Amino acid sequence: MTDTMLTWTQGVYAFDRKDYGAAVEHFSQVLAAEPGNLNCREYLARAQYHRASLGPAEQEARRILEVDPTNEYVQMLLARALERQGRHEEAAGVRRVLAALSGDARHAAGHRAFA
């Protein structure tokens, strides 16, 4: 097993244990070696979101969406990160994209920015 693979495995294990600080460290190390690893970048964004590092979570989500704009999960993560930062109008735009991608208007309906 390579060092990067071991670090990745440790990151997933930390994430599964809800040790998001350790997960961020491990995933950041993997991305230093493999900056194009979108799976790792998504885990990093999720870990940052869960530890309330909303700015970094938003930044990683936007990096992923530059490469994979149809990633519905990351669209939702970005919307939630923006909402938790009180940026509801910006989140509403992301939710509109998500509703269009998924065909599920519930992503937008009933949200306070649409009321």
N, C-alpha and C. Protein backbone atom coordinates (compact mmCIF):
# COMPACT_ATOMS: atom_id res chain seq x y z
N MET A 1 0.85 -1.17 0.00
CA MET A 1 0.00 0.00 0.00
C MET A 1 0.89 1.24 0.00
N THR A 2 0.59 2.18 -0.89
CA THR A 2 1.39 3.40 -0.96
C THR A 2 1.08 4.31 0.22
N ASP A 3 1.97 5.26 0.45
CA ASP A 3 1.74 6.23 1.53
C ASP A 3 0.46 7.02 1.30
N THR A 4 0.23 7.41 0.04
CA THR A 4 -0.97 8.18 -0.27
C THR A 4 -2.22 7.36 -0.01
N MET A 5 -2.19 6.09 -0.40
CA MET A 5 -3.35 5.22 -0.17
C MET A 5 -3.58 5.03 1.33
N LEU A 6 -2.53 4.88 2.08
CA LEU A 6 -2.65 4.73 3.53
C LEU A 6 -3.24 6.01 4.15
N THR A 7 -2.75 7.14 3.71
CA THR A 7 -3.25 8.42 4.22
C THR A 7 -4.73 8.59 3.87
N TRP A 8 -5.10 8.21 2.63
CA TRP A 8 -6.50 8.25 2.20
C TRP A 8 -7.36 7.38 3.11
N THR A 9 -6.91 6.16 3.35
CA THR A 9 -7.66 5.22 4.20
C THR A 9 -7.80 5.77 5.61
N GLN A 10 -6.76 6.37 6.13
CA GLN A 10 -6.83 6.98 7.47
C GLN A 10 -7.83 8.14 7.48
N GLY A 11 -7.87 8.90 6.39
CA GLY A 11 -8.81 10.01 6.29
C GLY A 11 -10.25 9.54 6.29
N VAL A 12 -10.53 8.50 5.52
CA VAL A 12 -11.89 7.95 5.47
C VAL A 12 -12.26 7.38 6.84
N TYR A 13 -11.32 6.71 7.47
CA TYR A 13 -11.58 6.15 8.81
C TYR A 13 -11.88 7.27 9.81
N ALA A 14 -11.10 8.33 9.76
CA ALA A 14 -11.34 9.47 10.66
C ALA A 14 -12.70 10.10 10.37
N PHE A 15 -13.03 10.25 9.09
CA PHE A 15 -14.32 10.82 8.72
C PHE A 15 -15.46 9.96 9.26
N ASP A 16 -15.35 8.65 9.07
CA ASP A 16 -16.39 7.74 9.55
C ASP A 16 -16.55 7.78 11.07
N ARG A 17 -15.47 8.10 11.79
CA ARG A 17 -15.51 8.23 13.25
C ARG A 17 -15.96 9.62 13.68
N LYS A 18 -16.23 10.49 12.69
CA LYS A 18 -16.61 11.88 12.94
C LYS A 18 -15.48 12.70 13.56
N ASP A 19 -14.24 12.27 13.31
CA ASP A 19 -13.07 13.03 13.72
C ASP A 19 -12.67 13.89 12.52
N TYR A 20 -13.45 14.95 12.32
CA TYR A 20 -13.31 15.74 11.11
C TYR A 20 -12.00 16.51 11.04
N GLY A 21 -11.45 16.90 12.18
CA GLY A 21 -10.16 17.56 12.18
C GLY A 21 -9.07 16.67 11.61
N ALA A 22 -9.02 15.43 12.07
CA ALA A 22 -8.03 14.47 11.55
C ALA A 22 -8.31 14.17 10.08
N ALA A 23 -9.58 14.06 9.73
CA ALA A 23 -9.94 13.79 8.33
C ALA A 23 -9.42 14.90 7.43
N VAL A 24 -9.61 16.15 7.84
CA VAL A 24 -9.13 17.29 7.05
C VAL A 24 -7.62 17.19 6.85
N GLU A 25 -6.89 16.86 7.91
CA GLU A 25 -5.44 16.74 7.80
C GLU A 25 -5.05 15.67 6.79
N HIS A 26 -5.67 14.50 6.89
CA HIS A 26 -5.33 13.39 6.00
C HIS A 26 -5.70 13.71 4.55
N PHE A 27 -6.91 14.23 4.33
CA PHE A 27 -7.32 14.53 2.96
C PHE A 27 -6.48 15.65 2.36
N SER A 28 -6.07 16.60 3.17
CA SER A 28 -5.20 17.68 2.68
C SER A 28 -3.86 17.11 2.22
N GLN A 29 -3.34 16.13 2.95
CA GLN A 29 -2.08 15.49 2.56
C GLN A 29 -2.23 14.74 1.24
N VAL A 30 -3.35 14.04 1.09
CA VAL A 30 -3.59 13.32 -0.16
C VAL A 30 -3.66 14.30 -1.32
N LEU A 31 -4.37 15.41 -1.13
CA LEU A 31 -4.52 16.39 -2.20
C LEU A 31 -3.21 17.08 -2.55
N ALA A 32 -2.30 17.18 -1.59
CA ALA A 32 -0.98 17.73 -1.89
C ALA A 32 -0.26 16.84 -2.91
N ALA A 33 -0.49 15.53 -2.81
CA ALA A 33 0.14 14.58 -3.72
C ALA A 33 -0.70 14.37 -4.99
N GLU A 34 -2.01 14.50 -4.86
CA GLU A 34 -2.92 14.23 -5.98
C GLU A 34 -3.97 15.34 -6.06
N PRO A 35 -3.61 16.53 -6.53
CA PRO A 35 -4.55 17.65 -6.52
C PRO A 35 -5.80 17.45 -7.37
N GLY A 36 -5.76 16.54 -8.31
CA GLY A 36 -6.92 16.28 -9.16
C GLY A 36 -7.87 15.23 -8.62
N ASN A 37 -7.63 14.73 -7.42
CA ASN A 37 -8.46 13.67 -6.85
C ASN A 37 -9.78 14.27 -6.34
N LEU A 38 -10.83 14.23 -7.17
CA LEU A 38 -12.10 14.85 -6.81
C LEU A 38 -12.81 14.12 -5.68
N ASN A 39 -12.63 12.81 -5.61
CA ASN A 39 -13.25 12.07 -4.52
C ASN A 39 -12.69 12.54 -3.18
N CYS A 40 -11.39 12.70 -3.12
CA CYS A 40 -10.75 13.18 -1.90
C CYS A 40 -11.17 14.62 -1.61
N ARG A 41 -11.24 15.44 -2.65
CA ARG A 41 -11.64 16.85 -2.47
C ARG A 41 -13.07 16.94 -1.92
N GLU A 42 -13.94 16.04 -2.38
CA GLU A 42 -15.31 16.02 -1.87
C GLU A 42 -15.34 15.62 -0.40
N TYR A 43 -14.58 14.62 -0.03
CA TYR A 43 -14.49 14.24 1.39
C TYR A 43 -13.95 15.41 2.21
N LEU A 44 -12.95 16.11 1.68
CA LEU A 44 -12.39 17.25 2.39
C LEU A 44 -13.45 18.33 2.59
N ALA A 45 -14.21 18.64 1.55
CA ALA A 45 -15.27 19.64 1.66
C ALA A 45 -16.31 19.22 2.70
N ARG A 46 -16.67 17.95 2.69
CA ARG A 46 -17.66 17.45 3.66
C ARG A 46 -17.12 17.54 5.09
N ALA A 47 -15.86 17.15 5.28
CA ALA A 47 -15.27 17.21 6.62
C ALA A 47 -15.21 18.66 7.11
N GLN A 48 -14.83 19.57 6.23
CA GLN A 48 -14.78 20.98 6.62
C GLN A 48 -16.18 21.49 6.97
N TYR A 49 -17.16 21.12 6.19
CA TYR A 49 -18.53 21.52 6.47
C TYR A 49 -18.96 21.01 7.85
N HIS A 50 -18.70 19.76 8.13
CA HIS A 50 -19.12 19.16 9.40
C HIS A 50 -18.40 19.77 10.60
N ARG A 51 -17.22 20.28 10.40
CA ARG A 51 -16.52 20.93 11.52
C ARG A 51 -16.76 22.43 11.54
N ALA A 52 -17.71 22.87 10.71
CA ALA A 52 -18.14 24.27 10.63
C ALA A 52 -17.05 25.20 10.11
N SER A 53 -16.16 24.66 9.30
CA SER A 53 -15.18 25.48 8.57
C SER A 53 -15.84 25.81 7.23
N LEU A 54 -16.81 26.70 7.28
CA LEU A 54 -17.69 26.91 6.14
C LEU A 54 -17.01 27.58 4.95
N GLY A 55 -16.12 28.52 5.20
CA GLY A 55 -15.39 29.15 4.11
C GLY A 55 -14.56 28.15 3.32
N PRO A 56 -13.73 27.35 4.01
CA PRO A 56 -12.97 26.32 3.29
C PRO A 56 -13.86 25.28 2.61
N ALA A 57 -14.97 24.92 3.25
CA ALA A 57 -15.90 23.96 2.62
C ALA A 57 -16.46 24.55 1.33
N GLU A 58 -16.84 25.82 1.39
CA GLU A 58 -17.35 26.50 0.20
C GLU A 58 -16.28 26.53 -0.90
N GLN A 59 -15.06 26.86 -0.53
CA GLN A 59 -13.97 26.94 -1.50
C GLN A 59 -13.74 25.59 -2.19
N GLU A 60 -13.71 24.52 -1.41
CA GLU A 60 -13.50 23.19 -2.00
C GLU A 60 -14.68 22.80 -2.88
N ALA A 61 -15.90 23.11 -2.44
CA ALA A 61 -17.08 22.79 -3.26
C ALA A 61 -17.01 23.51 -4.60
N ARG A 62 -16.61 24.77 -4.57
CA ARG A 62 -16.50 25.53 -5.82
C ARG A 62 -15.41 24.95 -6.73
N ARG A 63 -14.31 24.48 -6.14
CA ARG A 63 -13.25 23.85 -6.95
C ARG A 63 -13.78 22.59 -7.63
N ILE A 64 -14.54 21.80 -6.90
CA ILE A 64 -15.11 20.58 -7.48
C ILE A 64 -16.06 20.93 -8.61
N LEU A 65 -16.93 21.92 -8.37
CA LEU A 65 -17.93 22.27 -9.37
C LEU A 65 -17.33 22.90 -10.62
N GLU A 66 -16.13 23.45 -10.53
CA GLU A 66 -15.44 23.93 -11.73
C GLU A 66 -15.16 22.78 -12.69
N VAL A 67 -14.88 21.61 -12.12
CA VAL A 67 -14.53 20.43 -12.91
C VAL A 67 -15.76 19.56 -13.18
N ASP A 68 -16.66 19.50 -12.21
CA ASP A 68 -17.83 18.62 -12.28
C ASP A 68 -19.08 19.41 -11.88
N PRO A 69 -19.57 20.28 -12.77
CA PRO A 69 -20.68 21.17 -12.41
C PRO A 69 -22.02 20.45 -12.21
N THR A 70 -22.11 19.19 -12.57
CA THR A 70 -23.37 18.46 -12.40
C THR A 70 -23.38 17.60 -11.14
N ASN A 71 -22.42 17.76 -10.28
CA ASN A 71 -22.36 16.99 -9.04
C ASN A 71 -23.43 17.54 -8.08
N GLU A 72 -24.54 16.84 -8.00
CA GLU A 72 -25.68 17.31 -7.21
C GLU A 72 -25.35 17.37 -5.72
N TYR A 73 -24.62 16.39 -5.23
CA TYR A 73 -24.29 16.39 -3.80
C TYR A 73 -23.47 17.63 -3.44
N VAL A 74 -22.50 17.96 -4.26
CA VAL A 74 -21.65 19.11 -3.98
C VAL A 74 -22.43 20.41 -4.16
N GLN A 75 -23.36 20.44 -5.11
CA GLN A 75 -24.24 21.61 -5.24
C GLN A 75 -25.01 21.83 -3.93
N MET A 76 -25.53 20.75 -3.36
CA MET A 76 -26.28 20.86 -2.09
C MET A 76 -25.35 21.29 -0.96
N LEU A 77 -24.16 20.71 -0.91
CA LEU A 77 -23.21 21.09 0.12
C LEU A 77 -22.87 22.58 0.04
N LEU A 78 -22.67 23.07 -1.18
CA LEU A 78 -22.38 24.49 -1.36
C LEU A 78 -23.56 25.35 -0.91
N ALA A 79 -24.76 24.96 -1.28
CA ALA A 79 -25.95 25.72 -0.85
C ALA A 79 -26.05 25.77 0.67
N ARG A 80 -25.85 24.64 1.31
CA ARG A 80 -25.95 24.59 2.78
C ARG A 80 -24.83 25.40 3.44
N ALA A 81 -23.62 25.34 2.89
CA ALA A 81 -22.52 26.13 3.44
C ALA A 81 -22.83 27.62 3.33
N LEU A 82 -23.38 28.04 2.21
CA LEU A 82 -23.75 29.45 2.04
C LEU A 82 -24.86 29.84 3.01
N GLU A 83 -25.85 28.98 3.16
CA GLU A 83 -26.95 29.26 4.10
C GLU A 83 -26.46 29.39 5.52
N ARG A 84 -25.57 28.51 5.92
CA ARG A 84 -25.03 28.57 7.28
C ARG A 84 -24.20 29.81 7.52
N GLN A 85 -23.73 30.44 6.44
CA GLN A 85 -23.00 31.69 6.54
C GLN A 85 -23.93 32.90 6.42
N GLY A 86 -25.24 32.64 6.31
CA GLY A 86 -26.22 33.72 6.19
C GLY A 86 -26.31 34.32 4.80
N ARG A 87 -25.79 33.64 3.81
CA ARG A 87 -25.78 34.13 2.43
C ARG A 87 -26.91 33.46 1.64
N HIS A 88 -28.13 33.74 2.06
CA HIS A 88 -29.31 33.04 1.56
C HIS A 88 -29.61 33.32 0.09
N GLU A 89 -29.42 34.54 -0.36
CA GLU A 89 -29.69 34.85 -1.76
C GLU A 89 -28.73 34.10 -2.68
N GLU A 90 -27.47 34.05 -2.30
CA GLU A 90 -26.48 33.32 -3.09
C GLU A 90 -26.80 31.82 -3.07
N ALA A 91 -27.21 31.34 -1.91
CA ALA A 91 -27.59 29.92 -1.80
C ALA A 91 -28.80 29.62 -2.67
N ALA A 92 -29.72 30.57 -2.78
CA ALA A 92 -30.92 30.36 -3.60
C ALA A 92 -30.54 30.11 -5.05
N GLY A 93 -29.54 30.83 -5.55
CA GLY A 93 -29.09 30.60 -6.92
C GLY A 93 -28.53 29.20 -7.10
N VAL A 94 -27.78 28.74 -6.11
CA VAL A 94 -27.22 27.38 -6.16
C VAL A 94 -28.35 26.36 -6.10
N ARG A 95 -29.35 26.63 -5.27
CA ARG A 95 -30.49 25.71 -5.17
C ARG A 95 -31.27 25.66 -6.49
N ARG A 96 -31.36 26.78 -7.20
CA ARG A 96 -32.04 26.77 -8.51
C ARG A 96 -31.30 25.85 -9.48
N VAL A 97 -29.99 25.95 -9.48
CA VAL A 97 -29.19 25.06 -10.33
C VAL A 97 -29.42 23.61 -9.92
N LEU A 98 -29.42 23.36 -8.63
CA LEU A 98 -29.63 22.00 -8.13
C LEU A 98 -30.99 21.47 -8.54
N ALA A 99 -32.02 22.30 -8.43
CA ALA A 99 -33.37 21.88 -8.83
C ALA A 99 -33.41 21.56 -10.32
N ALA A 100 -32.72 22.36 -11.12
CA ALA A 100 -32.68 22.11 -12.56
C ALA A 100 -31.91 20.83 -12.88
N LEU A 101 -30.81 20.61 -12.20
CA LEU A 101 -30.00 19.40 -12.44
C LEU A 101 -30.75 18.13 -12.06
N SER A 102 -31.40 18.19 -10.92
CA SER A 102 -32.03 16.99 -10.38
C SER A 102 -33.45 16.78 -10.88
N GLY A 103 -34.07 17.86 -11.38
CA GLY A 103 -35.47 17.76 -11.77
C GLY A 103 -36.39 17.73 -10.56
N ASP A 104 -35.86 18.05 -9.41
CA ASP A 104 -36.62 18.00 -8.15
C ASP A 104 -36.78 19.41 -7.62
N ALA A 105 -37.95 19.98 -7.83
CA ALA A 105 -38.22 21.36 -7.41
C ALA A 105 -38.21 21.52 -5.90
N ARG A 106 -38.25 20.42 -5.16
CA ARG A 106 -38.21 20.51 -3.69
C ARG A 106 -36.92 21.13 -3.19
N HIS A 107 -35.87 21.09 -3.99
CA HIS A 107 -34.61 21.72 -3.59
C HIS A 107 -34.78 23.23 -3.46
N ALA A 108 -35.75 23.78 -4.17
CA ALA A 108 -35.98 25.22 -4.12
C ALA A 108 -37.26 25.56 -3.40
N ALA A 109 -38.29 24.76 -3.56
CA ALA A 109 -39.60 25.07 -2.99
C ALA A 109 -39.55 25.11 -1.47
N GLY A 110 -40.16 26.13 -0.92
CA GLY A 110 -40.25 26.24 0.53
C GLY A 110 -39.02 26.79 1.18
N HIS A 111 -37.98 27.03 0.43
CA HIS A 111 -36.77 27.61 1.01
C HIS A 111 -37.03 29.07 1.29
N ARG A 112 -36.50 29.60 2.38
CA ARG A 112 -36.83 30.95 2.79
C ARG A 112 -36.46 32.02 1.76
N ALA A 113 -35.47 31.78 0.96
CA ALA A 113 -35.11 32.76 -0.06
C ALA A 113 -36.13 32.79 -1.20
N PHE A 114 -36.93 31.75 -1.31
CA PHE A 114 -37.94 31.68 -2.38
C PHE A 114 -39.32 32.07 -1.89
N ALA A 115 -39.46 32.28 -0.60
CA ALA A 115 -40.78 32.56 -0.04
C ALA A 115 -41.23 33.96 -0.38
